[in-house]
Every structure is written in structure tokens, then in C-alpha cells.
Amino acid sequence: MNHHESINWSDKVKSLDQTIRDEIGIEGENEAKHILIKVQTKAAEPIEPAFIVGEDEKFLDLFVLSPQGPGITSTAVLKDNIQSVGVIGGVSAEKVDPSEIPEAPLLDDVDGLYQ
């Protein structure tokens, strides 16, 4: 069994986001309704920016924001194909200078990056 199947990416992303918020001193709960992520699969192109809308044992359900403008695409990614999930940021009014962000401890194979 692939180890990715048992990972709850929703929880992992929330936890990673909270860790980053703690380290850069953003107080309180995540004001952002959705945490933007980048999903790297075994395919060449990462899926980004996206946010998680659902999850089960086999699939991670995402809404992917269109880079061409307004619009979102719903997609389901087979968890077996996920190599890493990174946090891009939360959809909120908060603007943070990236140079002030300390390196976040990485969780397993998850890259943490905020923009």
C-alpha cells in the first residue's frame, strides 16, 4: 500500500498553515476561508493554485483557480499520484513580506512556502 493513501492532506495543510502563521506571528485562527496549495503529482506540471474541497481514502478533491482570470476547475487527484503538497497562502487580506518569514519545519514530504 502506498503511504500517501493514509495521509489526510486536509489536516496536514491546516497544520502546516498554522505552523507558518505561528512562526510569522499572525495571531488567532486562520481568517482565510481557503488555504491555497500547490499539489505536485507524478505528472510534470504542479496543480496550483488550488484549495481542498473534499477528501476520502483514495482521492483529494480540489478546486483549481484559473490563471487566465476568473473561474475554477474542479478536479480529483488520486492520492497515490501525489508527491507533495505545499501551502502557497491563505485567501485573506493579510500581506506578509516573504523576507521576514523564517524557514518552516517541513512535514514529511510537504514543502512549505508562502508568497
PDB file of N, CA and C in Angstrom:
ATOM      1  N   MET A   1       0.851  -1.198   0.000  1.00  0.00           N
ATOM      2  CA  MET A   1       0.000   0.000   0.000  1.00  0.00           C
ATOM      3  C   MET A   1       0.887   1.249   0.000  1.00  0.00           C
ATOM      4  N   ASN A   2       0.571   2.187  -0.829  1.00  0.00           N
ATOM      5  CA  ASN A   2       1.313   3.432  -0.905  1.00  0.00           C
ATOM      6  C   ASN A   2       1.077   4.252   0.361  1.00  0.00           C
ATOM      7  N   HIS A   3       2.132   4.858   0.909  1.00  0.00           N
ATOM      8  CA  HIS A   3       1.973   5.591   2.165  1.00  0.00           C
ATOM      9  C   HIS A   3       1.127   6.852   2.019  1.00  0.00           C
ATOM     10  N   HIS A   4       0.990   7.371   0.783  1.00  0.00           N
ATOM     11  CA  HIS A   4       0.197   8.589   0.589  1.00  0.00           C
ATOM     12  C   HIS A   4      -1.282   8.361   0.844  1.00  0.00           C
ATOM     13  N   GLU A   5      -1.752   7.123   0.646  1.00  0.00           N
ATOM     14  CA  GLU A   5      -3.178   6.855   0.788  1.00  0.00           C
ATOM     15  C   GLU A   5      -3.683   7.170   2.178  1.00  0.00           C
ATOM     16  N   SER A   6      -2.842   6.951   3.197  1.00  0.00           N
ATOM     17  CA  SER A   6      -3.298   7.134   4.564  1.00  0.00           C
ATOM     18  C   SER A   6      -3.160   8.587   5.040  1.00  0.00           C
ATOM     19  N   ILE A   7      -2.491   9.412   4.258  1.00  0.00           N
ATOM     20  CA  ILE A   7      -2.292  10.807   4.654  1.00  0.00           C
ATOM     21  C   ILE A   7      -3.598  11.582   4.516  1.00  0.00           C
ATOM     22  N   ASN A   8      -3.943  12.341   5.559  1.00  0.00           N
ATOM     23  CA  ASN A   8      -5.064  13.262   5.441  1.00  0.00           C
ATOM     24  C   ASN A   8      -4.472  14.622   5.073  1.00  0.00           C
ATOM     25  N   TRP A   9      -4.530  14.941   3.792  1.00  0.00           N
ATOM     26  CA  TRP A   9      -3.897  16.173   3.297  1.00  0.00           C
ATOM     27  C   TRP A   9      -4.590  17.408   3.843  1.00  0.00           C
ATOM     28  N   SER A  10      -5.922  17.332   4.034  1.00  0.00           N
ATOM     29  CA  SER A  10      -6.654  18.485   4.578  1.00  0.00           C
ATOM     30  C   SER A  10      -6.079  18.884   5.938  1.00  0.00           C
ATOM     31  N   ASP A  11      -5.913  17.884   6.817  1.00  0.00           N
ATOM     32  CA  ASP A  11      -5.363  18.155   8.144  1.00  0.00           C
ATOM     33  C   ASP A  11      -3.928  18.636   8.059  1.00  0.00           C
ATOM     34  N   LYS A  12      -3.157  18.029   7.163  1.00  0.00           N
ATOM     35  CA  LYS A  12      -1.754  18.364   7.033  1.00  0.00           C
ATOM     36  C   LYS A  12      -1.582  19.821   6.572  1.00  0.00           C
ATOM     37  N   VAL A  13      -2.408  20.224   5.602  1.00  0.00           N
ATOM     38  CA  VAL A  13      -2.338  21.598   5.099  1.00  0.00           C
ATOM     39  C   VAL A  13      -2.729  22.591   6.195  1.00  0.00           C
ATOM     40  N   LYS A  14      -3.790  22.279   6.948  1.00  0.00           N
ATOM     41  CA  LYS A  14      -4.199  23.173   8.046  1.00  0.00           C
ATOM     42  C   LYS A  14      -3.100  23.290   9.083  1.00  0.00           C
ATOM     43  N   SER A  15      -2.480  22.166   9.393  1.00  0.00           N
ATOM     44  CA  SER A  15      -1.422  22.146  10.387  1.00  0.00           C
ATOM     45  C   SER A  15      -0.204  22.930   9.907  1.00  0.00           C
ATOM     46  N   LEU A  16       0.173  22.733   8.641  1.00  0.00           N
ATOM     47  CA  LEU A  16       1.313  23.441   8.075  1.00  0.00           C
ATOM     48  C   LEU A  16       1.042  24.943   8.034  1.00  0.00           C
ATOM     49  N   ASP A  17      -0.179  25.309   7.639  1.00  0.00           N
ATOM     50  CA  ASP A  17      -0.563  26.714   7.584  1.00  0.00           C
ATOM     51  C   ASP A  17      -0.478  27.339   8.976  1.00  0.00           C
ATOM     52  N   GLN A  18      -0.947  26.619   9.997  1.00  0.00           N
ATOM     53  CA  GLN A  18      -0.911  27.133  11.366  1.00  0.00           C
ATOM     54  C   GLN A  18       0.521  27.301  11.844  1.00  0.00           C
ATOM     55  N   THR A  19       1.385  26.353  11.493  1.00  0.00           N
ATOM     56  CA  THR A  19       2.797  26.435  11.872  1.00  0.00           C
ATOM     57  C   THR A  19       3.435  27.694  11.281  1.00  0.00           C
ATOM     58  N   ILE A  20       3.156  27.944  10.012  1.00  0.00           N
ATOM     59  CA  ILE A  20       3.713  29.126   9.348  1.00  0.00           C
ATOM     60  C   ILE A  20       3.171  30.395  10.000  1.00  0.00           C
ATOM     61  N   ARG A  21       1.852  30.418  10.275  1.00  0.00           N
ATOM     62  CA  ARG A  21       1.247  31.583  10.920  1.00  0.00           C
ATOM     63  C   ARG A  21       1.869  31.842  12.284  1.00  0.00           C
ATOM     64  N   ASP A  22       2.095  30.780  13.055  1.00  0.00           N
ATOM     65  CA  ASP A  22       2.710  30.925  14.381  1.00  0.00           C
ATOM     66  C   ASP A  22       4.103  31.523  14.244  1.00  0.00           C
ATOM     67  N   GLU A  23       4.870  31.018  13.274  1.00  0.00           N
ATOM     68  CA  GLU A  23       6.257  31.458  13.135  1.00  0.00           C
ATOM     69  C   GLU A  23       6.375  32.899  12.656  1.00  0.00           C
ATOM     70  N   ILE A  24       5.406  33.365  11.851  1.00  0.00           N
ATOM     71  CA  ILE A  24       5.497  34.750  11.369  1.00  0.00           C
ATOM     72  C   ILE A  24       4.651  35.685  12.218  1.00  0.00           C
ATOM     73  N   GLY A  25       4.052  35.124  13.280  1.00  0.00           N
ATOM     74  CA  GLY A  25       3.367  35.970  14.254  1.00  0.00           C
ATOM     75  C   GLY A  25       1.985  36.446  13.845  1.00  0.00           C
ATOM     76  N   ILE A  26       1.295  35.689  13.007  1.00  0.00           N
ATOM     77  CA  ILE A  26      -0.088  36.044  12.706  1.00  0.00           C
ATOM     78  C   ILE A  26      -0.948  35.400  13.783  1.00  0.00           C
ATOM     79  N   GLU A  27      -1.641  36.250  14.550  1.00  0.00           N
ATOM     80  CA  GLU A  27      -2.379  35.754  15.705  1.00  0.00           C
ATOM     81  C   GLU A  27      -3.709  35.130  15.322  1.00  0.00           C
ATOM     82  N   GLY A  28      -4.191  34.284  16.198  1.00  0.00           N
ATOM     83  CA  GLY A  28      -5.560  33.793  16.089  1.00  0.00           C
ATOM     84  C   GLY A  28      -5.748  32.715  15.049  1.00  0.00           C
ATOM     85  N   GLU A  29      -6.996  32.383  14.845  1.00  0.00           N
ATOM     86  CA  GLU A  29      -7.358  31.351  13.881  1.00  0.00           C
ATOM     87  C   GLU A  29      -7.105  31.853  12.468  1.00  0.00           C
ATOM     88  N   ASN A  30      -7.032  30.928  11.543  1.00  0.00           N
ATOM     89  CA  ASN A  30      -6.858  31.293  10.146  1.00  0.00           C
ATOM     90  C   ASN A  30      -8.104  32.024   9.668  1.00  0.00           C
ATOM     91  N   GLU A  31      -7.947  33.302   9.350  1.00  0.00           N
ATOM     92  CA  GLU A  31      -9.062  34.094   8.846  1.00  0.00           C
ATOM     93  C   GLU A  31      -9.445  33.653   7.436  1.00  0.00           C
ATOM     94  N   ALA A  32      -8.465  33.065   6.754  1.00  0.00           N
ATOM     95  CA  ALA A  32      -8.704  32.666   5.374  1.00  0.00           C
ATOM     96  C   ALA A  32      -9.688  31.511   5.332  1.00  0.00           C
ATOM     97  N   LYS A  33     -10.639  31.616   4.446  1.00  0.00           N
ATOM     98  CA  LYS A  33     -11.617  30.545   4.303  1.00  0.00           C
ATOM     99  C   LYS A  33     -10.947  29.342   3.642  1.00  0.00           C
ATOM    100  N   HIS A  34     -10.110  29.617   2.674  1.00  0.00           N
ATOM    101  CA  HIS A  34      -9.444  28.542   1.947  1.00  0.00           C
ATOM    102  C   HIS A  34      -7.945  28.764   1.974  1.00  0.00           C
ATOM    103  N   ILE A  35      -7.213  27.700   2.199  1.00  0.00           N
ATOM    104  CA  ILE A  35      -5.762  27.765   2.167  1.00  0.00           C
ATOM    105  C   ILE A  35      -5.326  27.330   0.769  1.00  0.00           C
ATOM    106  N   LEU A  36      -4.669  28.243   0.072  1.00  0.00           N
ATOM    107  CA  LEU A  36      -4.206  27.919  -1.279  1.00  0.00           C
ATOM    108  C   LEU A  36      -3.007  26.986  -1.207  1.00  0.00           C
ATOM    109  N   ILE A  37      -3.030  25.969  -2.045  1.00  0.00           N
ATOM    110  CA  ILE A  37      -1.953  24.985  -2.043  1.00  0.00           C
ATOM    111  C   ILE A  37      -1.457  24.724  -3.458  1.00  0.00           C
ATOM    112  N   LYS A  38      -0.316  24.071  -3.514  1.00  0.00           N
ATOM    113  CA  LYS A  38       0.247  23.591  -4.775  1.00  0.00           C
ATOM    114  C   LYS A  38       0.417  22.096  -4.601  1.00  0.00           C
ATOM    115  N   VAL A  39      -0.135  21.316  -5.513  1.00  0.00           N
ATOM    116  CA  VAL A  39      -0.033  19.864  -5.432  1.00  0.00           C
ATOM    117  C   VAL A  39       0.912  19.376  -6.524  1.00  0.00           C
ATOM    118  N   GLN A  40       1.983  18.726  -6.126  1.00  0.00           N
ATOM    119  CA  GLN A  40       2.914  18.147  -7.088  1.00  0.00           C
ATOM    120  C   GLN A  40       2.593  16.660  -7.225  1.00  0.00           C
ATOM    121  N   THR A  41       2.201  16.274  -8.430  1.00  0.00           N
ATOM    122  CA  THR A  41       1.918  14.863  -8.685  1.00  0.00           C
ATOM    123  C   THR A  41       3.069  14.278  -9.487  1.00  0.00           C
ATOM    124  N   LYS A  42       2.928  13.045  -9.882  1.00  0.00           N
ATOM    125  CA  LYS A  42       3.971  12.407 -10.685  1.00  0.00           C
ATOM    126  C   LYS A  42       4.016  12.990 -12.095  1.00  0.00           C
ATOM    127  N   ALA A  43       2.963  13.731 -12.478  1.00  0.00           N
ATOM    128  CA  ALA A  43       2.982  14.446 -13.759  1.00  0.00           C
ATOM    129  C   ALA A  43       3.961  15.617 -13.644  1.00  0.00           C
ATOM    130  N   ALA A  44       4.374  16.150 -14.768  1.00  0.00           N
ATOM    131  CA  ALA A  44       5.393  17.206 -14.766  1.00  0.00           C
ATOM    132  C   ALA A  44       4.893  18.506 -14.147  1.00  0.00           C
ATOM    133  N   GLU A  45       3.668  18.890 -14.464  1.00  0.00           N
ATOM    134  CA  GLU A  45       3.166  20.189 -14.026  1.00  0.00           C
ATOM    135  C   GLU A  45       2.471  20.106 -12.670  1.00  0.00           C
ATOM    136  N   PRO A  46       2.837  20.987 -11.738  1.00  0.00           N
ATOM    137  CA  PRO A  46       2.097  21.005 -10.475  1.00  0.00           C
ATOM    138  C   PRO A  46       0.701  21.594 -10.678  1.00  0.00           C
ATOM    139  N   ILE A  47      -0.206  21.250  -9.787  1.00  0.00           N
ATOM    140  CA  ILE A  47      -1.554  21.802  -9.825  1.00  0.00           C
ATOM    141  C   ILE A  47      -1.579  22.954  -8.835  1.00  0.00           C
ATOM    142  N   GLU A  48      -1.703  24.179  -9.347  1.00  0.00           N
ATOM    143  CA  GLU A  48      -1.701  25.349  -8.471  1.00  0.00           C
ATOM    144  C   GLU A  48      -2.279  26.560  -9.177  1.00  0.00           C
ATOM    145  N   PRO A  49      -2.789  27.558  -8.473  1.00  0.00           N
ATOM    146  CA  PRO A  49      -3.161  27.459  -7.058  1.00  0.00           C
ATOM    147  C   PRO A  49      -4.474  26.698  -6.931  1.00  0.00           C
ATOM    148  N   ALA A  50      -4.613  25.954  -5.863  1.00  0.00           N
ATOM    149  CA  ALA A  50      -5.802  25.143  -5.666  1.00  0.00           C
ATOM    150  C   ALA A  50      -6.167  25.148  -4.195  1.00  0.00           C
ATOM    151  N   PHE A  51      -7.397  24.749  -3.891  1.00  0.00           N
ATOM    152  CA  PHE A  51      -7.725  24.511  -2.494  1.00  0.00           C
ATOM    153  C   PHE A  51      -8.562  23.244  -2.383  1.00  0.00           C
ATOM    154  N   ILE A  52      -8.445  22.626  -1.217  1.00  0.00           N
ATOM    155  CA  ILE A  52      -9.089  21.332  -0.987  1.00  0.00           C
ATOM    156  C   ILE A  52     -10.571  21.532  -0.698  1.00  0.00           C
ATOM    157  N   VAL A  53     -11.409  20.780  -1.395  1.00  0.00           N
ATOM    158  CA  VAL A  53     -12.842  20.851  -1.118  1.00  0.00           C
ATOM    159  C   VAL A  53     -13.372  19.548  -0.529  1.00  0.00           C
ATOM    160  N   GLY A  54     -12.605  18.475  -0.646  1.00  0.00           N
ATOM    161  CA  GLY A  54     -13.044  17.208  -0.078  1.00  0.00           C
ATOM    162  C   GLY A  54     -11.931  16.191  -0.151  1.00  0.00           C
ATOM    163  N   GLU A  55     -12.133  15.100   0.560  1.00  0.00           N
ATOM    164  CA  GLU A  55     -11.086  14.096   0.611  1.00  0.00           C
ATOM    165  C   GLU A  55     -11.691  12.783   1.096  1.00  0.00           C
ATOM    166  N   ASP A  56     -11.245  11.691   0.497  1.00  0.00           N
ATOM    167  CA  ASP A  56     -11.609  10.383   1.027  1.00  0.00           C
ATOM    168  C   ASP A  56     -10.359   9.511   1.026  1.00  0.00           C
ATOM    169  N   GLU A  57     -10.523   8.209   1.162  1.00  0.00           N
ATOM    170  CA  GLU A  57      -9.356   7.324   1.249  1.00  0.00           C
ATOM    171  C   GLU A  57      -8.493   7.369  -0.009  1.00  0.00           C
ATOM    172  N   LYS A  58      -9.113   7.527  -1.161  1.00  0.00           N
ATOM    173  CA  LYS A  58      -8.395   7.399  -2.435  1.00  0.00           C
ATOM    174  C   LYS A  58      -8.092   8.728  -3.129  1.00  0.00           C
ATOM    175  N   PHE A  59      -9.023   9.695  -2.991  1.00  0.00           N
ATOM    176  CA  PHE A  59      -8.931  10.921  -3.789  1.00  0.00           C
ATOM    177  C   PHE A  59      -8.863  12.181  -2.945  1.00  0.00           C
ATOM    178  N   LEU A  60      -8.159  13.176  -3.479  1.00  0.00           N
ATOM    179  CA  LEU A  60      -8.157  14.527  -2.933  1.00  0.00           C
ATOM    180  C   LEU A  60      -8.924  15.381  -3.943  1.00  0.00           C
ATOM    181  N   ASP A  61     -10.044  15.967  -3.512  1.00  0.00           N
ATOM    182  CA  ASP A  61     -10.864  16.791  -4.407  1.00  0.00           C
ATOM    183  C   ASP A  61     -10.451  18.244  -4.283  1.00  0.00           C
ATOM    184  N   LEU A  62     -10.155  18.855  -5.424  1.00  0.00           N
ATOM    185  CA  LEU A  62      -9.631  20.216  -5.438  1.00  0.00           C
ATOM    186  C   LEU A  62     -10.459  21.121  -6.327  1.00  0.00           C
ATOM    187  N   PHE A  63     -10.447  22.408  -6.001  1.00  0.00           N
ATOM    188  CA  PHE A  63     -10.859  23.457  -6.927  1.00  0.00           C
ATOM    189  C   PHE A  63      -9.572  24.150  -7.340  1.00  0.00           C
ATOM    190  N   VAL A  64      -9.310  24.185  -8.633  1.00  0.00           N
ATOM    191  CA  VAL A  64      -8.103  24.827  -9.145  1.00  0.00           C
ATOM    192  C   VAL A  64      -8.499  26.178  -9.726  1.00  0.00           C
ATOM    193  N   LEU A  65      -7.814  27.235  -9.292  1.00  0.00           N
ATOM    194  CA  LEU A  65      -8.114  28.582  -9.786  1.00  0.00           C
ATOM    195  C   LEU A  65      -7.477  28.761 -11.150  1.00  0.00           C
ATOM    196  N   SER A  66      -8.211  29.364 -12.048  1.00  0.00           N
ATOM    197  CA  SER A  66      -7.703  29.571 -13.397  1.00  0.00           C
ATOM    198  C   SER A  66      -6.706  30.719 -13.419  1.00  0.00           C
ATOM    199  N   PRO A  67      -5.497  30.486 -13.977  1.00  0.00           N
ATOM    200  CA  PRO A  67      -4.525  31.583 -14.086  1.00  0.00           C
ATOM    201  C   PRO A  67      -4.949  32.603 -15.135  1.00  0.00           C
ATOM    202  N   GLN A  68      -5.859  32.221 -16.012  1.00  0.00           N
ATOM    203  CA  GLN A  68      -6.279  33.127 -17.083  1.00  0.00           C
ATOM    204  C   GLN A  68      -7.319  34.150 -16.630  1.00  0.00           C
ATOM    205  N   GLY A  69      -7.752  34.079 -15.391  1.00  0.00           N
ATOM    206  CA  GLY A  69      -8.767  35.023 -14.949  1.00  0.00           C
ATOM    207  C   GLY A  69      -9.767  34.329 -14.053  1.00  0.00           C
ATOM    208  N   PRO A  70     -10.974  34.886 -13.977  1.00  0.00           N
ATOM    209  CA  PRO A  70     -11.961  34.279 -13.079  1.00  0.00           C
ATOM    210  C   PRO A  70     -12.335  32.883 -13.566  1.00  0.00           C
ATOM    211  N   GLY A  71     -12.662  32.031 -12.626  1.00  0.00           N
ATOM    212  CA  GLY A  71     -13.060  30.678 -12.983  1.00  0.00           C
ATOM    213  C   GLY A  71     -12.296  29.655 -12.199  1.00  0.00           C
ATOM    214  N   ILE A  72     -12.983  28.575 -11.862  1.00  0.00           N
ATOM    215  CA  ILE A  72     -12.317  27.484 -11.163  1.00  0.00           C
ATOM    216  C   ILE A  72     -12.661  26.168 -11.831  1.00  0.00           C
ATOM    217  N   THR A  73     -11.766  25.229 -11.742  1.00  0.00           N
ATOM    218  CA  THR A  73     -11.964  23.895 -12.295  1.00  0.00           C
ATOM    219  C   THR A  73     -11.975  22.915 -11.143  1.00  0.00           C
ATOM    220  N   SER A  74     -12.953  22.045 -11.132  1.00  0.00           N
ATOM    221  CA  SER A  74     -12.996  21.008 -10.116  1.00  0.00           C
ATOM    222  C   SER A  74     -12.209  19.811 -10.628  1.00  0.00           C
ATOM    223  N   THR A  75     -11.352  19.259  -9.767  1.00  0.00           N
ATOM    224  CA  THR A  75     -10.582  18.099 -10.173  1.00  0.00           C
ATOM    225  C   THR A  75     -10.366  17.178  -8.985  1.00  0.00           C
ATOM    226  N   ALA A  76     -10.228  15.905  -9.260  1.00  0.00           N
ATOM    227  CA  ALA A  76      -9.915  14.928  -8.210  1.00  0.00           C
ATOM    228  C   ALA A  76      -8.560  14.317  -8.530  1.00  0.00           C
ATOM    229  N   VAL A  77      -7.685  14.291  -7.540  1.00  0.00           N
ATOM    230  CA  VAL A  77      -6.346  13.745  -7.723  1.00  0.00           C
ATOM    231  C   VAL A  77      -6.256  12.433  -6.953  1.00  0.00           C
ATOM    232  N   LEU A  78      -5.779  11.405  -7.615  1.00  0.00           N
ATOM    233  CA  LEU A  78      -5.560  10.126  -6.947  1.00  0.00           C
ATOM    234  C   LEU A  78      -4.423  10.306  -5.945  1.00  0.00           C
ATOM    235  N   LYS A  79      -4.682   9.990  -4.684  1.00  0.00           N
ATOM    236  CA  LYS A  79      -3.676  10.222  -3.643  1.00  0.00           C
ATOM    237  C   LYS A  79      -2.367   9.496  -3.929  1.00  0.00           C
ATOM    238  N   ASP A  80      -2.443   8.345  -4.580  1.00  0.00           N
ATOM    239  CA  ASP A  80      -1.229   7.599  -4.924  1.00  0.00           C
ATOM    240  C   ASP A  80      -0.289   8.418  -5.803  1.00  0.00           C
ATOM    241  N   ASN A  81      -0.844   9.353  -6.577  1.00  0.00           N
ATOM    242  CA  ASN A  81      -0.037  10.135  -7.509  1.00  0.00           C
ATOM    243  C   ASN A  81       0.538  11.405  -6.896  1.00  0.00           C
ATOM    244  N   ILE A  82       0.169  11.706  -5.657  1.00  0.00           N
ATOM    245  CA  ILE A  82       0.640  12.941  -5.024  1.00  0.00           C
ATOM    246  C   ILE A  82       2.054  12.739  -4.492  1.00  0.00           C
ATOM    247  N   GLN A  83       2.953  13.639  -4.900  1.00  0.00           N
ATOM    248  CA  GLN A  83       4.323  13.583  -4.380  1.00  0.00           C
ATOM    249  C   GLN A  83       4.497  14.553  -3.222  1.00  0.00           C
ATOM    250  N   SER A  84       3.905  15.736  -3.335  1.00  0.00           N
ATOM    251  CA  SER A  84       3.982  16.690  -2.235  1.00  0.00           C
ATOM    252  C   SER A  84       2.845  17.696  -2.351  1.00  0.00           C
ATOM    253  N   VAL A  85       2.542  18.302  -1.213  1.00  0.00           N
ATOM    254  CA  VAL A  85       1.550  19.371  -1.168  1.00  0.00           C
ATOM    255  C   VAL A  85       2.199  20.512  -0.411  1.00  0.00           C
ATOM    256  N   GLY A  86       2.198  21.700  -1.012  1.00  0.00           N
ATOM    257  CA  GLY A  86       2.789  22.862  -0.363  1.00  0.00           C
ATOM    258  C   GLY A  86       1.751  23.940  -0.157  1.00  0.00           C
ATOM    259  N   VAL A  87       1.893  24.681   0.935  1.00  0.00           N
ATOM    260  CA  VAL A  87       0.981  25.791   1.205  1.00  0.00           C
ATOM    261  C   VAL A  87       1.503  27.037   0.495  1.00  0.00           C
ATOM    262  N   ILE A  88       0.661  27.632  -0.341  1.00  0.00           N
ATOM    263  CA  ILE A  88       1.025  28.889  -1.007  1.00  0.00           C
ATOM    264  C   ILE A  88       0.626  30.053  -0.119  1.00  0.00           C
ATOM    265  N   GLY A  89      -0.569  29.967   0.460  1.00  0.00           N
ATOM    266  CA  GLY A  89      -1.027  31.023   1.344  1.00  0.00           C
ATOM    267  C   GLY A  89      -2.516  30.920   1.539  1.00  0.00           C
ATOM    268  N   GLY A  90      -3.041  31.780   2.385  1.00  0.00           N
ATOM    269  CA  GLY A  90      -4.476  31.801   2.610  1.00  0.00           C
ATOM    270  C   GLY A  90      -5.097  32.910   1.798  1.00  0.00           C
ATOM    271  N   VAL A  91      -6.348  32.722   1.422  1.00  0.00           N
ATOM    272  CA  VAL A  91      -7.062  33.778   0.713  1.00  0.00           C
ATOM    273  C   VAL A  91      -7.579  34.745   1.762  1.00  0.00           C
ATOM    274  N   SER A  92      -6.795  35.768   2.040  1.00  0.00           N
ATOM    275  CA  SER A  92      -7.211  36.763   3.025  1.00  0.00           C
ATOM    276  C   SER A  92      -6.542  38.081   2.676  1.00  0.00           C
ATOM    277  N   ALA A  93      -6.858  39.114   3.428  1.00  0.00           N
ATOM    278  CA  ALA A  93      -6.324  40.448   3.141  1.00  0.00           C
ATOM    279  C   ALA A  93      -4.895  40.606   3.660  1.00  0.00           C
ATOM    280  N   GLU A  94      -4.461  39.671   4.473  1.00  0.00           N
ATOM    281  CA  GLU A  94      -3.148  39.749   5.108  1.00  0.00           C
ATOM    282  C   GLU A  94      -2.021  39.716   4.077  1.00  0.00           C
ATOM    283  N   LYS A  95      -1.168  40.719   4.107  1.00  0.00           N
ATOM    284  CA  LYS A  95       0.003  40.703   3.233  1.00  0.00           C
ATOM    285  C   LYS A  95       1.238  40.624   4.114  1.00  0.00           C
ATOM    286  N   VAL A  96       2.101  39.681   3.793  1.00  0.00           N
ATOM    287  CA  VAL A  96       3.293  39.460   4.603  1.00  0.00           C
ATOM    288  C   VAL A  96       4.524  39.583   3.720  1.00  0.00           C
ATOM    289  N   ASP A  97       5.543  40.230   4.221  1.00  0.00           N
ATOM    290  CA  ASP A  97       6.797  40.330   3.488  1.00  0.00           C
ATOM    291  C   ASP A  97       7.505  38.976   3.549  1.00  0.00           C
ATOM    292  N   PRO A  98       7.682  38.333   2.395  1.00  0.00           N
ATOM    293  CA  PRO A  98       8.280  36.985   2.394  1.00  0.00           C
ATOM    294  C   PRO A  98       9.675  36.936   3.005  1.00  0.00           C
ATOM    295  N   SER A  99      10.407  38.059   2.971  1.00  0.00           N
ATOM    296  CA  SER A  99      11.769  38.046   3.502  1.00  0.00           C
ATOM    297  C   SER A  99      11.774  37.927   5.024  1.00  0.00           C
ATOM    298  N   GLU A 100      10.624  38.185   5.677  1.00  0.00           N
ATOM    299  CA  GLU A 100      10.568  38.104   7.138  1.00  0.00           C
ATOM    300  C   GLU A 100      10.176  36.713   7.621  1.00  0.00           C
ATOM    301  N   ILE A 101       9.866  35.821   6.698  1.00  0.00           N
ATOM    302  CA  ILE A 101       9.371  34.509   7.097  1.00  0.00           C
ATOM    303  C   ILE A 101      10.530  33.565   7.357  1.00  0.00           C
ATOM    304  N   PRO A 102      10.600  33.019   8.578  1.00  0.00           N
ATOM    305  CA  PRO A 102      11.654  32.035   8.844  1.00  0.00           C
ATOM    306  C   PRO A 102      11.352  30.736   8.110  1.00  0.00           C
ATOM    307  N   GLU A 103      12.340  29.914   7.922  1.00  0.00           N
ATOM    308  CA  GLU A 103      12.112  28.609   7.300  1.00  0.00           C
ATOM    309  C   GLU A 103      11.177  27.801   8.177  1.00  0.00           C
ATOM    310  N   ALA A 104      10.104  27.308   7.607  1.00  0.00           N
ATOM    311  CA  ALA A 104       9.178  26.480   8.374  1.00  0.00           C
ATOM    312  C   ALA A 104       9.702  25.049   8.410  1.00  0.00           C
ATOM    313  N   PRO A 105       9.521  24.380   9.539  1.00  0.00           N
ATOM    314  CA  PRO A 105       9.913  22.964   9.549  1.00  0.00           C
ATOM    315  C   PRO A 105       9.024  22.208   8.570  1.00  0.00           C
ATOM    316  N   LEU A 106       9.618  21.358   7.759  1.00  0.00           N
ATOM    317  CA  LEU A 106       8.836  20.636   6.757  1.00  0.00           C
ATOM    318  C   LEU A 106       8.242  19.390   7.374  1.00  0.00           C
ATOM    319  N   LEU A 107       7.012  19.108   6.975  1.00  0.00           N
ATOM    320  CA  LEU A 107       6.339  17.906   7.451  1.00  0.00           C
ATOM    321  C   LEU A 107       6.513  16.828   6.398  1.00  0.00           C
ATOM    322  N   ASP A 108       7.214  15.771   6.735  1.00  0.00           N
ATOM    323  CA  ASP A 108       7.441  14.655   5.808  1.00  0.00           C
ATOM    324  C   ASP A 108       7.874  15.182   4.450  1.00  0.00           C
ATOM    325  N   ASP A 109       7.002  14.971   3.431  1.00  0.00           N
ATOM    326  CA  ASP A 109       7.376  15.377   2.083  1.00  0.00           C
ATOM    327  C   ASP A 109       6.573  16.592   1.638  1.00  0.00           C
ATOM    328  N   VAL A 110       6.253  17.457   2.597  1.00  0.00           N
ATOM    329  CA  VAL A 110       5.459  18.646   2.259  1.00  0.00           C
ATOM    330  C   VAL A 110       6.385  19.863   2.269  1.00  0.00           C
ATOM    331  N   ASP A 111       6.359  20.591   1.170  1.00  0.00           N
ATOM    332  CA  ASP A 111       7.145  21.830   1.103  1.00  0.00           C
ATOM    333  C   ASP A 111       6.283  22.984   1.588  1.00  0.00           C
ATOM    334  N   GLY A 112       6.807  23.795   2.490  1.00  0.00           N
ATOM    335  CA  GLY A 112       6.044  24.951   2.955  1.00  0.00           C
ATOM    336  C   GLY A 112       6.554  26.194   2.280  1.00  0.00           C
ATOM    337  N   LEU A 113       5.699  26.884   1.546  1.00  0.00           N
ATOM    338  CA  LEU A 113       6.119  28.157   1.010  1.00  0.00           C
ATOM    339  C   LEU A 113       4.953  29.128   0.974  1.00  0.00           C
ATOM    340  N   TYR A 114       5.250  30.344   1.414  1.00  0.00           N
ATOM    341  CA  TYR A 114       4.234  31.390   1.430  1.00  0.00           C
ATOM    342  C   TYR A 114       4.669  32.464   0.461  1.00  0.00           C
ATOM    343  N   GLN A 115       3.713  33.039  -0.230  1.00  0.00           N
ATOM    344  CA  GLN A 115       4.066  34.127  -1.133  1.00  0.00           C
ATOM    345  C   GLN A 115       3.374  35.393  -0.683  1.00  0.00           C
TER     346      GLN A 115
END
